Amino acid sequence: MGDRSLSGKKTLITGAASGIGRATALAAGRKGARLVLTDLNAEGLDDTVAAVRAEGGIVEYSQALDISDYDAVTAFAKQTHELLGSLDVVMNIAGVSTWGTVENLEHRHWKLMVDVNLMGPIHVIENFVPPMIAAKRGGALVNVSSAAGLLAFPWHAAYSASKFGLRGVSEVLRFDLARHDIKVHLVVPGAVDTPLVQSVDIVGADRDDPRIQAWIKRFRRHARQPEQVADSILKGVEKGTYLIHTQFDIRFGYWWARKFAWPYEFAMAKANDLFTTFLPKDQR
């Protein structure tokens, strides 16, 4: 995909019913993307489809489904490919959040984070990226992780397990997919004022506690709007940027965590080149 613009590109967006996913669908629609949209929330998804079309955007196909359900994603991919062929851009935006200390978190909390935030994107990648490789048109894979996939925030162990995992998947695929001209983009939002802020499950704490409410208000004052994040995502895709930050404080914090990034990136690129020589010639 030498042309990184979204105009005319078949573009999948998960989590399209609300928040960052909805804002990105609307923004991509304005840029002429041919959208394929999904979300667990069928009513919200229908609202987004209607909003995109009301602005003159193109929604080729939409379906409500749970991305943590591999069979559902596989059936969705089969239907999408029958209608449109392989896609050009895949955006994994859907996600959920739970916070809590380890003694308060239950197994179900850990499992939900990994099932939705990590295995969900993996299900999408499994089904949509190999056809992109076979089509030999290049493309883009966008994975929305989090600042909690870069840095160790309090009470975020379960959430960070999933978001660090998605960061790891992205870091490897960044090099694995380079030879197919498929750009990988890792989005690491900090505070974003989405419905998730009001619905996040804080295990072991009373959300009505005035101290917690004060922190939530502080968070929202500092937070970016979903539209701002969507704008950052689309600009990053068009520029071919790997690590897409949405605010300065997270960028600065991560800089401190990885001051010497370039030798690592150089070594990983060379190692990937070496491993590629082990493949049959028709797969290089």
C-alpha atoms as a PDB file:
ATOM      1  CA  MET A   1       0.000   0.000   0.000  1.00  0.00           C
ATOM      2  CA  GLY A   2       2.405   2.650  -1.231  1.00  0.00           C
ATOM      3  CA  ASP A   3      -0.455   5.146  -0.983  1.00  0.00           C
ATOM      4  CA  ARG A   4      -1.135   5.399   2.758  1.00  0.00           C
ATOM      5  CA  SER A   5      -4.289   7.485   2.421  1.00  0.00           C
ATOM      6  CA  LEU A   6      -7.564   5.839   3.414  1.00  0.00           C
ATOM      7  CA  SER A   7      -9.501   7.023   0.370  1.00  0.00           C
ATOM      8  CA  GLY A   8     -11.023   4.001  -1.342  1.00  0.00           C
ATOM      9  CA  LYS A   9      -9.402   1.579   1.114  1.00  0.00           C
ATOM     10  CA  LYS A  10     -11.456  -1.299   2.512  1.00  0.00           C
ATOM     11  CA  THR A  11     -11.132  -0.640   6.237  1.00  0.00           C
ATOM     12  CA  LEU A  12     -12.267  -2.761   9.182  1.00  0.00           C
ATOM     13  CA  ILE A  13     -12.907  -1.016  12.504  1.00  0.00           C
ATOM     14  CA  THR A  14     -13.860  -2.960  15.635  1.00  0.00           C
ATOM     15  CA  GLY A  15     -15.492  -1.262  18.593  1.00  0.00           C
ATOM     16  CA  ALA A  16     -17.310   1.069  16.214  1.00  0.00           C
ATOM     17  CA  ALA A  17     -20.408   1.658  18.361  1.00  0.00           C
ATOM     18  CA  SER A  18     -18.871   4.210  20.719  1.00  0.00           C
ATOM     19  CA  GLY A  19     -15.791   6.037  21.927  1.00  0.00           C
ATOM     20  CA  ILE A  20     -12.604   5.880  19.886  1.00  0.00           C
ATOM     21  CA  GLY A  21     -14.024   3.285  17.490  1.00  0.00           C
ATOM     22  CA  ARG A  22     -17.050   5.391  16.572  1.00  0.00           C
ATOM     23  CA  ALA A  23     -14.965   8.553  16.219  1.00  0.00           C
ATOM     24  CA  THR A  24     -12.470   6.735  14.012  1.00  0.00           C
ATOM     25  CA  ALA A  25     -15.224   5.275  11.825  1.00  0.00           C
ATOM     26  CA  LEU A  26     -16.693   8.734  11.272  1.00  0.00           C
ATOM     27  CA  ALA A  27     -13.285  10.284  10.564  1.00  0.00           C
ATOM     28  CA  ALA A  28     -12.276   7.467   8.194  1.00  0.00           C
ATOM     29  CA  GLY A  29     -15.628   7.765   6.420  1.00  0.00           C
ATOM     30  CA  ARG A  30     -14.948  11.447   5.801  1.00  0.00           C
ATOM     31  CA  LYS A  31     -11.630  10.477   4.212  1.00  0.00           C
ATOM     32  CA  GLY A  32     -13.335   8.148   1.759  1.00  0.00           C
ATOM     33  CA  ALA A  33     -12.621   4.781   3.378  1.00  0.00           C
ATOM     34  CA  ARG A  34     -14.899   1.888   2.449  1.00  0.00           C
ATOM     35  CA  LEU A  35     -15.847   0.773   5.934  1.00  0.00           C
ATOM     36  CA  VAL A  36     -16.496  -2.611   7.495  1.00  0.00           C
ATOM     37  CA  LEU A  37     -17.732  -2.064  11.060  1.00  0.00           C
ATOM     38  CA  THR A  38     -18.390  -4.270  14.051  1.00  0.00           C
ATOM     39  CA  ASP A  39     -19.164  -4.006  17.756  1.00  0.00           C
ATOM     40  CA  LEU A  40     -20.855  -6.034  20.467  1.00  0.00           C
ATOM     41  CA  ASN A  41     -23.484  -3.283  20.862  1.00  0.00           C
ATOM     42  CA  ALA A  42     -25.855  -3.767  17.924  1.00  0.00           C
ATOM     43  CA  GLU A  43     -27.900  -0.620  18.558  1.00  0.00           C
ATOM     44  CA  GLY A  44     -24.827   1.578  18.914  1.00  0.00           C
ATOM     45  CA  LEU A  45     -23.321   0.010  15.805  1.00  0.00           C
ATOM     46  CA  ASP A  46     -26.464   0.809  13.801  1.00  0.00           C
ATOM     47  CA  ASP A  47     -26.270   4.409  15.040  1.00  0.00           C
ATOM     48  CA  THR A  48     -22.664   4.700  13.849  1.00  0.00           C
ATOM     49  CA  VAL A  49     -23.499   3.220  10.451  1.00  0.00           C
ATOM     50  CA  ALA A  50     -26.337   5.727  10.074  1.00  0.00           C
ATOM     51  CA  ALA A  51     -24.077   8.606  11.164  1.00  0.00           C
ATOM     52  CA  VAL A  52     -21.354   7.664   8.681  1.00  0.00           C
ATOM     53  CA  ARG A  53     -23.830   7.405   5.822  1.00  0.00           C
ATOM     54  CA  ALA A  54     -25.523  10.664   6.809  1.00  0.00           C
ATOM     55  CA  GLU A  55     -22.160  12.377   6.225  1.00  0.00           C
ATOM     56  CA  GLY A  56     -21.791  10.746   2.817  1.00  0.00           C
ATOM     57  CA  GLY A  57     -19.458   7.995   4.000  1.00  0.00           C
ATOM     58  CA  ILE A  58     -19.459   4.411   2.746  1.00  0.00           C
ATOM     59  CA  VAL A  59     -20.237   1.446   4.994  1.00  0.00           C
ATOM     60  CA  GLU A  60     -19.835  -1.684   2.901  1.00  0.00           C
ATOM     61  CA  TYR A  61     -20.792  -4.116   5.651  1.00  0.00           C
ATOM     62  CA  SER A  62     -21.526  -4.138   9.374  1.00  0.00           C
ATOM     63  CA  GLN A  63     -22.303  -6.861  11.879  1.00  0.00           C
ATOM     64  CA  ALA A  64     -22.677  -6.965  15.645  1.00  0.00           C
ATOM     65  CA  LEU A  65     -20.521  -9.638  17.268  1.00  0.00           C
ATOM     66  CA  ASP A  66     -18.292 -10.478  20.209  1.00  0.00           C
ATOM     67  CA  ILE A  67     -14.648 -10.367  19.092  1.00  0.00           C
ATOM     68  CA  SER A  68     -13.690 -12.709  21.937  1.00  0.00           C
ATOM     69  CA  ASP A  69     -15.706 -15.418  20.134  1.00  0.00           C
ATOM     70  CA  TYR A  70     -13.312 -16.919  17.577  1.00  0.00           C
ATOM     71  CA  ASP A  71     -16.045 -18.719  15.633  1.00  0.00           C
ATOM     72  CA  ALA A  72     -18.094 -15.520  15.346  1.00  0.00           C
ATOM     73  CA  VAL A  73     -15.089 -13.552  14.072  1.00  0.00           C
ATOM     74  CA  THR A  74     -14.254 -16.322  11.604  1.00  0.00           C
ATOM     75  CA  ALA A  75     -17.797 -16.346  10.217  1.00  0.00           C
ATOM     76  CA  PHE A  76     -17.738 -12.544   9.996  1.00  0.00           C
ATOM     77  CA  ALA A  77     -14.447 -12.643   8.112  1.00  0.00           C
ATOM     78  CA  LYS A  78     -15.780 -15.271   5.711  1.00  0.00           C
ATOM     79  CA  GLN A  79     -18.812 -13.125   4.924  1.00  0.00           C
ATOM     80  CA  THR A  80     -16.673  -9.990   4.567  1.00  0.00           C
ATOM     81  CA  HIS A  81     -14.258 -11.677   2.165  1.00  0.00           C
ATOM     82  CA  GLU A  82     -17.106 -13.117   0.099  1.00  0.00           C
ATOM     83  CA  LEU A  83     -18.542  -9.606  -0.279  1.00  0.00           C
ATOM     84  CA  LEU A  84     -15.378  -7.546  -0.660  1.00  0.00           C
ATOM     85  CA  GLY A  85     -12.313  -9.734  -1.007  1.00  0.00           C
ATOM     86  CA  SER A  86      -9.280  -9.018   1.173  1.00  0.00           C
ATOM     87  CA  LEU A  87      -9.159  -5.775   3.122  1.00  0.00           C
ATOM     88  CA  ASP A  88      -6.583  -2.988   3.035  1.00  0.00           C
ATOM     89  CA  VAL A  89      -6.694  -1.680   6.597  1.00  0.00           C
ATOM     90  CA  VAL A  90      -7.580  -3.502   9.824  1.00  0.00           C
ATOM     91  CA  MET A  91      -8.144  -1.500  13.022  1.00  0.00           C
ATOM     92  CA  ASN A  92      -8.447  -3.318  16.350  1.00  0.00           C
ATOM     93  CA  ILE A  93     -10.073  -0.686  18.568  1.00  0.00           C
ATOM     94  CA  ALA A  94     -12.640  -2.609  20.659  1.00  0.00           C
ATOM     95  CA  GLY A  95     -11.728  -3.034  24.324  1.00  0.00           C
ATOM     96  CA  VAL A  96     -12.913  -3.196  27.927  1.00  0.00           C
ATOM     97  CA  SER A  97     -11.330  -2.188  31.211  1.00  0.00           C
ATOM     98  CA  THR A  98     -11.203  -3.449  34.786  1.00  0.00           C
ATOM     99  CA  TRP A  99      -8.956  -2.093  37.543  1.00  0.00           C
ATOM    100  CA  GLY A 100      -8.195  -3.471  40.999  1.00  0.00           C
ATOM    101  CA  THR A 101      -5.537  -4.805  43.325  1.00  0.00           C
ATOM    102  CA  VAL A 102      -4.521  -8.423  42.951  1.00  0.00           C
ATOM    103  CA  GLU A 103      -6.264  -9.523  46.151  1.00  0.00           C
ATOM    104  CA  ASN A 104      -9.553  -8.074  44.880  1.00  0.00           C
ATOM    105  CA  LEU A 105      -9.382  -9.188  41.258  1.00  0.00           C
ATOM    106  CA  GLU A 106     -11.129 -12.459  40.516  1.00  0.00           C
ATOM    107  CA  HIS A 107     -10.289 -14.949  37.799  1.00  0.00           C
ATOM    108  CA  ARG A 108     -13.215 -13.683  35.707  1.00  0.00           C
ATOM    109  CA  HIS A 109     -11.698 -10.198  35.632  1.00  0.00           C
ATOM    110  CA  TRP A 110      -8.335 -11.420  34.359  1.00  0.00           C
ATOM    111  CA  LYS A 111     -10.040 -13.665  31.819  1.00  0.00           C
ATOM    112  CA  LEU A 112     -12.318 -10.922  30.483  1.00  0.00           C
ATOM    113  CA  MET A 113      -9.371  -8.568  29.920  1.00  0.00           C
ATOM    114  CA  VAL A 114      -7.358 -11.177  28.038  1.00  0.00           C
ATOM    115  CA  ASP A 115     -10.335 -12.572  26.095  1.00  0.00           C
ATOM    116  CA  VAL A 116     -11.511  -9.191  24.782  1.00  0.00           C
ATOM    117  CA  ASN A 117      -8.413  -6.982  24.703  1.00  0.00           C
ATOM    118  CA  LEU A 118      -5.851  -9.540  23.559  1.00  0.00           C
ATOM    119  CA  MET A 119      -7.525 -12.613  22.096  1.00  0.00           C
ATOM    120  CA  GLY A 120     -10.140 -10.449  20.349  1.00  0.00           C
ATOM    121  CA  PRO A 121      -7.520  -8.625  18.258  1.00  0.00           C
ATOM    122  CA  ILE A 122      -5.693 -11.905  17.700  1.00  0.00           C
ATOM    123  CA  HIS A 123      -8.907 -13.446  16.319  1.00  0.00           C
ATOM    124  CA  VAL A 124      -9.195 -10.494  13.930  1.00  0.00           C
ATOM    125  CA  ILE A 125      -5.536 -10.724  12.928  1.00  0.00           C
ATOM    126  CA  GLU A 126      -5.783 -14.483  12.305  1.00  0.00           C
ATOM    127  CA  ASN A 127      -8.738 -14.049   9.989  1.00  0.00           C
ATOM    128  CA  PHE A 128      -7.976 -10.829   8.138  1.00  0.00           C
ATOM    129  CA  VAL A 129      -4.192 -10.429   7.859  1.00  0.00           C
ATOM    130  CA  PRO A 130      -3.282 -13.649   5.954  1.00  0.00           C
ATOM    131  CA  PRO A 131      -5.644 -12.702   3.076  1.00  0.00           C
ATOM    132  CA  MET A 132      -3.990  -9.272   3.002  1.00  0.00           C
ATOM    133  CA  ILE A 133      -0.605 -10.972   2.659  1.00  0.00           C
ATOM    134  CA  ALA A 134      -1.913 -13.219  -0.128  1.00  0.00           C
ATOM    135  CA  ALA A 135      -3.346 -10.230  -2.001  1.00  0.00           C
ATOM    136  CA  LYS A 136       0.119  -8.608  -2.154  1.00  0.00           C
ATOM    137  CA  ARG A 137      -1.287  -5.074  -2.039  1.00  0.00           C
ATOM    138  CA  GLY A 138       0.304  -4.133   1.268  1.00  0.00           C
ATOM    139  CA  GLY A 139      -1.894  -2.467   3.849  1.00  0.00           C
ATOM    140  CA  ALA A 140      -2.073  -1.401   7.472  1.00  0.00           C
ATOM    141  CA  LEU A 141      -2.785  -3.070  10.806  1.00  0.00           C
ATOM    142  CA  VAL A 142      -3.764  -0.759  13.667  1.00  0.00           C
ATOM    143  CA  ASN A 143      -3.818  -2.119  17.226  1.00  0.00           C
ATOM    144  CA  VAL A 144      -5.090   0.163  19.972  1.00  0.00           C
ATOM    145  CA  SER A 145      -3.226  -0.700  23.148  1.00  0.00           C
ATOM    146  CA  SER A 146      -2.955   1.869  25.941  1.00  0.00           C
ATOM    147  CA  ALA A 147      -0.525   3.912  27.988  1.00  0.00           C
ATOM    148  CA  ALA A 148      -1.084   0.997  30.380  1.00  0.00           C
ATOM    149  CA  GLY A 149       0.615  -1.153  27.750  1.00  0.00           C
ATOM    150  CA  LEU A 150       3.772   0.947  28.149  1.00  0.00           C
ATOM    151  CA  LEU A 151       3.880   1.982  31.789  1.00  0.00           C
ATOM    152  CA  ALA A 152       3.000   0.426  35.170  1.00  0.00           C
ATOM    153  CA  PHE A 153      -0.069   2.242  36.456  1.00  0.00           C
ATOM    154  CA  PRO A 154      -1.508   1.325  39.881  1.00  0.00           C
ATOM    155  CA  TRP A 155      -4.338  -1.230  39.960  1.00  0.00           C
ATOM    156  CA  HIS A 156      -3.941  -1.975  36.238  1.00  0.00           C
ATOM    157  CA  ALA A 157      -2.431  -5.479  36.429  1.00  0.00           C
ATOM    158  CA  ALA A 158      -5.256  -7.315  34.626  1.00  0.00           C
ATOM    159  CA  TYR A 159      -5.793  -4.538  32.100  1.00  0.00           C
ATOM    160  CA  SER A 160      -2.065  -4.166  31.500  1.00  0.00           C
ATOM    161  CA  ALA A 161      -1.704  -7.921  31.017  1.00  0.00           C
ATOM    162  CA  SER A 162      -3.899  -7.598  27.934  1.00  0.00           C
ATOM    163  CA  LYS A 163      -2.517  -4.293  26.695  1.00  0.00           C
ATOM    164  CA  PHE A 164       1.151  -5.253  27.158  1.00  0.00           C
ATOM    165  CA  GLY A 165       0.270  -8.467  25.318  1.00  0.00           C
ATOM    166  CA  LEU A 166      -1.191  -6.552  22.378  1.00  0.00           C
ATOM    167  CA  ARG A 167       1.881  -4.349  22.373  1.00  0.00           C
ATOM    168  CA  GLY A 168       4.042  -7.483  22.141  1.00  0.00           C
ATOM    169  CA  VAL A 169       2.009  -8.865  19.242  1.00  0.00           C
ATOM    170  CA  SER A 170       2.339  -5.527  17.458  1.00  0.00           C
ATOM    171  CA  GLU A 171       6.081  -5.256  18.096  1.00  0.00           C
ATOM    172  CA  VAL A 172       6.708  -8.625  16.471  1.00  0.00           C
ATOM    173  CA  LEU A 173       4.285  -8.143  13.578  1.00  0.00           C
ATOM    174  CA  ARG A 174       5.863  -4.754  12.894  1.00  0.00           C
ATOM    175  CA  PHE A 175       8.907  -6.616  11.607  1.00  0.00           C
ATOM    176  CA  ASP A 176       7.206  -9.806  10.396  1.00  0.00           C
ATOM    177  CA  LEU A 177       4.812  -7.926   8.108  1.00  0.00           C
ATOM    178  CA  ALA A 178       7.280  -5.343   6.815  1.00  0.00           C
ATOM    179  CA  ARG A 179       8.326  -7.544   3.900  1.00  0.00           C
ATOM    180  CA  HIS A 180       4.674  -7.651   2.803  1.00  0.00           C
ATOM    181  CA  ASP A 181       4.429  -3.836   2.921  1.00  0.00           C
ATOM    182  CA  ILE A 182       1.849  -4.081   5.701  1.00  0.00           C
ATOM    183  CA  LYS A 183       2.517  -1.289   8.169  1.00  0.00           C
ATOM    184  CA  VAL A 184       1.762  -2.012  11.817  1.00  0.00           C
ATOM    185  CA  HIS A 185       0.620   0.836  14.044  1.00  0.00           C
ATOM    186  CA  LEU A 186       0.468   0.620  17.842  1.00  0.00           C
ATOM    187  CA  VAL A 187      -1.786   3.266  19.383  1.00  0.00           C
ATOM    188  CA  VAL A 188      -1.136   4.070  23.051  1.00  0.00           C
ATOM    189  CA  PRO A 189      -3.802   6.506  24.291  1.00  0.00           C
ATOM    190  CA  GLY A 190      -3.520   8.036  27.713  1.00  0.00           C
ATOM    191  CA  ALA A 191      -6.633   9.515  29.300  1.00  0.00           C
ATOM    192  CA  VAL A 192      -9.552   9.547  26.848  1.00  0.00           C
ATOM    193  CA  ASP A 193     -13.024  10.758  27.797  1.00  0.00           C
ATOM    194  CA  THR A 194     -15.125   7.859  26.518  1.00  0.00           C
ATOM    195  CA  PRO A 195     -18.131   6.020  28.027  1.00  0.00           C
ATOM    196  CA  LEU A 196     -15.550   3.558  29.389  1.00  0.00           C
ATOM    197  CA  VAL A 197     -14.545   6.154  31.996  1.00  0.00           C
ATOM    198  CA  GLN A 198     -17.974   5.949  33.606  1.00  0.00           C
ATOM    199  CA  SER A 199     -18.357   2.179  33.211  1.00  0.00           C
ATOM    200  CA  VAL A 200     -14.888   0.918  34.141  1.00  0.00           C
ATOM    201  CA  ASP A 201     -15.114  -1.732  36.844  1.00  0.00           C
ATOM    202  CA  ILE A 202     -12.951  -0.728  39.844  1.00  0.00           C
ATOM    203  CA  VAL A 203     -12.893  -3.968  41.821  1.00  0.00           C
ATOM    204  CA  GLY A 204     -12.808  -3.634  45.593  1.00  0.00           C
ATOM    205  CA  ALA A 205     -13.510   0.104  45.590  1.00  0.00           C
ATOM    206  CA  ASP A 206     -16.684   2.167  45.892  1.00  0.00           C
ATOM    207  CA  ARG A 207     -17.051   4.306  42.765  1.00  0.00           C
ATOM    208  CA  ASP A 208     -19.294   6.657  44.746  1.00  0.00           C
ATOM    209  CA  ASP A 209     -16.506   7.406  47.198  1.00  0.00           C
ATOM    210  CA  PRO A 210     -15.946  11.190  46.898  1.00  0.00           C
ATOM    211  CA  ARG A 211     -12.193  10.626  46.556  1.00  0.00           C
ATOM    212  CA  ILE A 212     -12.665   8.295  43.586  1.00  0.00           C
ATOM    213  CA  GLN A 213     -15.206  10.643  42.022  1.00  0.00           C
ATOM    214  CA  ALA A 214     -12.700  13.471  42.415  1.00  0.00           C
ATOM    215  CA  TRP A 215     -10.057  11.410  40.588  1.00  0.00           C
ATOM    216  CA  ILE A 216     -12.523  10.572  37.813  1.00  0.00           C
ATOM    217  CA  LYS A 217     -13.307  14.291  37.378  1.00  0.00           C
ATOM    218  CA  ARG A 218      -9.587  15.059  37.339  1.00  0.00           C
ATOM    219  CA  PHE A 219      -9.068  12.321  34.749  1.00  0.00           C
ATOM    220  CA  ARG A 220     -11.801  13.754  32.541  1.00  0.00           C
ATOM    221  CA  ARG A 221     -10.401  17.272  32.717  1.00  0.00           C
ATOM    222  CA  HIS A 222      -7.035  15.937  31.536  1.00  0.00           C
ATOM    223  CA  ALA A 223      -8.493  13.539  28.980  1.00  0.00           C
ATOM    224  CA  ARG A 224      -8.483  13.813  25.200  1.00  0.00           C
ATOM    225  CA  GLN A 225     -11.742  13.558  23.312  1.00  0.00           C
ATOM    226  CA  PRO A 226     -12.312  10.469  21.114  1.00  0.00           C
ATOM    227  CA  GLU A 227     -12.298  12.697  18.028  1.00  0.00           C
ATOM    228  CA  GLN A 228      -8.798  13.918  18.878  1.00  0.00           C
ATOM    229  CA  VAL A 229      -7.575  10.341  19.274  1.00  0.00           C
ATOM    230  CA  ALA A 230      -9.203   9.330  15.984  1.00  0.00           C
ATOM    231  CA  ASP A 231      -7.416  12.204  14.279  1.00  0.00           C
ATOM    232  CA  SER A 232      -4.084  11.031  15.716  1.00  0.00           C
ATOM    233  CA  ILE A 233      -4.740   7.474  14.542  1.00  0.00           C
ATOM    234  CA  LEU A 234      -5.537   8.465  10.965  1.00  0.00           C
ATOM    235  CA  LYS A 235      -2.592  10.851  10.753  1.00  0.00           C
ATOM    236  CA  GLY A 236      -0.318   8.086  12.047  1.00  0.00           C
ATOM    237  CA  VAL A 237      -1.601   5.633   9.446  1.00  0.00           C
ATOM    238  CA  GLU A 238      -1.111   8.140   6.646  1.00  0.00           C
ATOM    239  CA  LYS A 239       2.440   8.911   7.810  1.00  0.00           C
ATOM    240  CA  GLY A 240       3.332   5.256   8.403  1.00  0.00           C
ATOM    241  CA  THR A 241       4.087   5.882  12.099  1.00  0.00           C
ATOM    242  CA  TYR A 242       4.541   2.759  14.246  1.00  0.00           C
ATOM    243  CA  LEU A 243       3.985   4.125  17.760  1.00  0.00           C
ATOM    244  CA  ILE A 244       1.067   6.545  17.753  1.00  0.00           C
ATOM    245  CA  HIS A 245       0.856   8.724  20.866  1.00  0.00           C
ATOM    246  CA  THR A 246      -2.210  10.810  21.618  1.00  0.00           C
ATOM    247  CA  GLN A 247      -0.755  13.068  24.311  1.00  0.00           C
ATOM    248  CA  PHE A 248       2.598  14.449  25.376  1.00  0.00           C
ATOM    249  CA  ASP A 249       2.734  13.156  28.945  1.00  0.00           C
ATOM    250  CA  ILE A 250       2.654   9.509  27.852  1.00  0.00           C
ATOM    251  CA  ARG A 251       5.170  10.146  25.072  1.00  0.00           C
ATOM    252  CA  PHE A 252       7.528  11.760  27.601  1.00  0.00           C
ATOM    253  CA  GLY A 253       7.074   9.001  30.181  1.00  0.00           C
ATOM    254  CA  TYR A 254       7.802   6.288  27.651  1.00  0.00           C
ATOM    255  CA  TRP A 255      10.856   8.185  26.410  1.00  0.00           C
ATOM    256  CA  TRP A 256      12.306   7.852  29.880  1.00  0.00           C
ATOM    257  CA  ALA A 257      11.494   4.119  29.865  1.00  0.00           C
ATOM    258  CA  ARG A 258      13.221   3.531  26.529  1.00  0.00           C
ATOM    259  CA  LYS A 259      15.867   6.164  25.969  1.00  0.00           C
ATOM    260  CA  PHE A 260      17.960   3.862  23.773  1.00  0.00           C
ATOM    261  CA  ALA A 261      15.305   2.565  21.414  1.00  0.00           C
ATOM    262  CA  TRP A 262      17.112   2.788  18.078  1.00  0.00           C
ATOM    263  CA  PRO A 263      19.801   0.103  18.669  1.00  0.00           C
ATOM    264  CA  TYR A 264      17.050  -2.289  19.754  1.00  0.00           C
ATOM    265  CA  GLU A 265      14.939  -1.544  16.672  1.00  0.00           C
ATOM    266  CA  PHE A 266      17.954  -1.946  14.382  1.00  0.00           C
ATOM    267  CA  ALA A 267      18.845  -5.300  15.952  1.00  0.00           C
ATOM    268  CA  MET A 268      15.270  -6.588  15.724  1.00  0.00           C
ATOM    269  CA  ALA A 269      14.962  -5.593  12.068  1.00  0.00           C
ATOM    270  CA  LYS A 270      18.245  -7.384  11.234  1.00  0.00           C
ATOM    271  CA  ALA A 271      17.214 -10.458  13.220  1.00  0.00           C
ATOM    272  CA  ASN A 272      13.934 -10.578  11.341  1.00  0.00           C
ATOM    273  CA  ASP A 273      15.768 -10.339   8.036  1.00  0.00           C
ATOM    274  CA  LEU A 274      17.921 -13.302   9.101  1.00  0.00           C
ATOM    275  CA  PHE A 275      14.948 -15.450  10.126  1.00  0.00           C
ATOM    276  CA  THR A 276      13.212 -14.648   6.838  1.00  0.00           C
ATOM    277  CA  THR A 277      16.028 -16.424   4.997  1.00  0.00           C
ATOM    278  CA  PHE A 278      14.887 -19.653   6.689  1.00  0.00           C
ATOM    279  CA  LEU A 279      11.546 -19.526   4.847  1.00  0.00           C
ATOM    280  CA  PRO A 280      10.935 -21.166   1.482  1.00  0.00           C
ATOM    281  CA  LYS A 281      11.735 -18.672  -1.278  1.00  0.00           C
ATOM    282  CA  ASP A 282       8.082 -18.304  -2.315  1.00  0.00           C
ATOM    283  CA  GLN A 283       7.200 -17.091   1.227  1.00  0.00           C
ATOM    284  CA  ARG A 284       9.896 -14.396   1.562  1.00  0.00           C
END
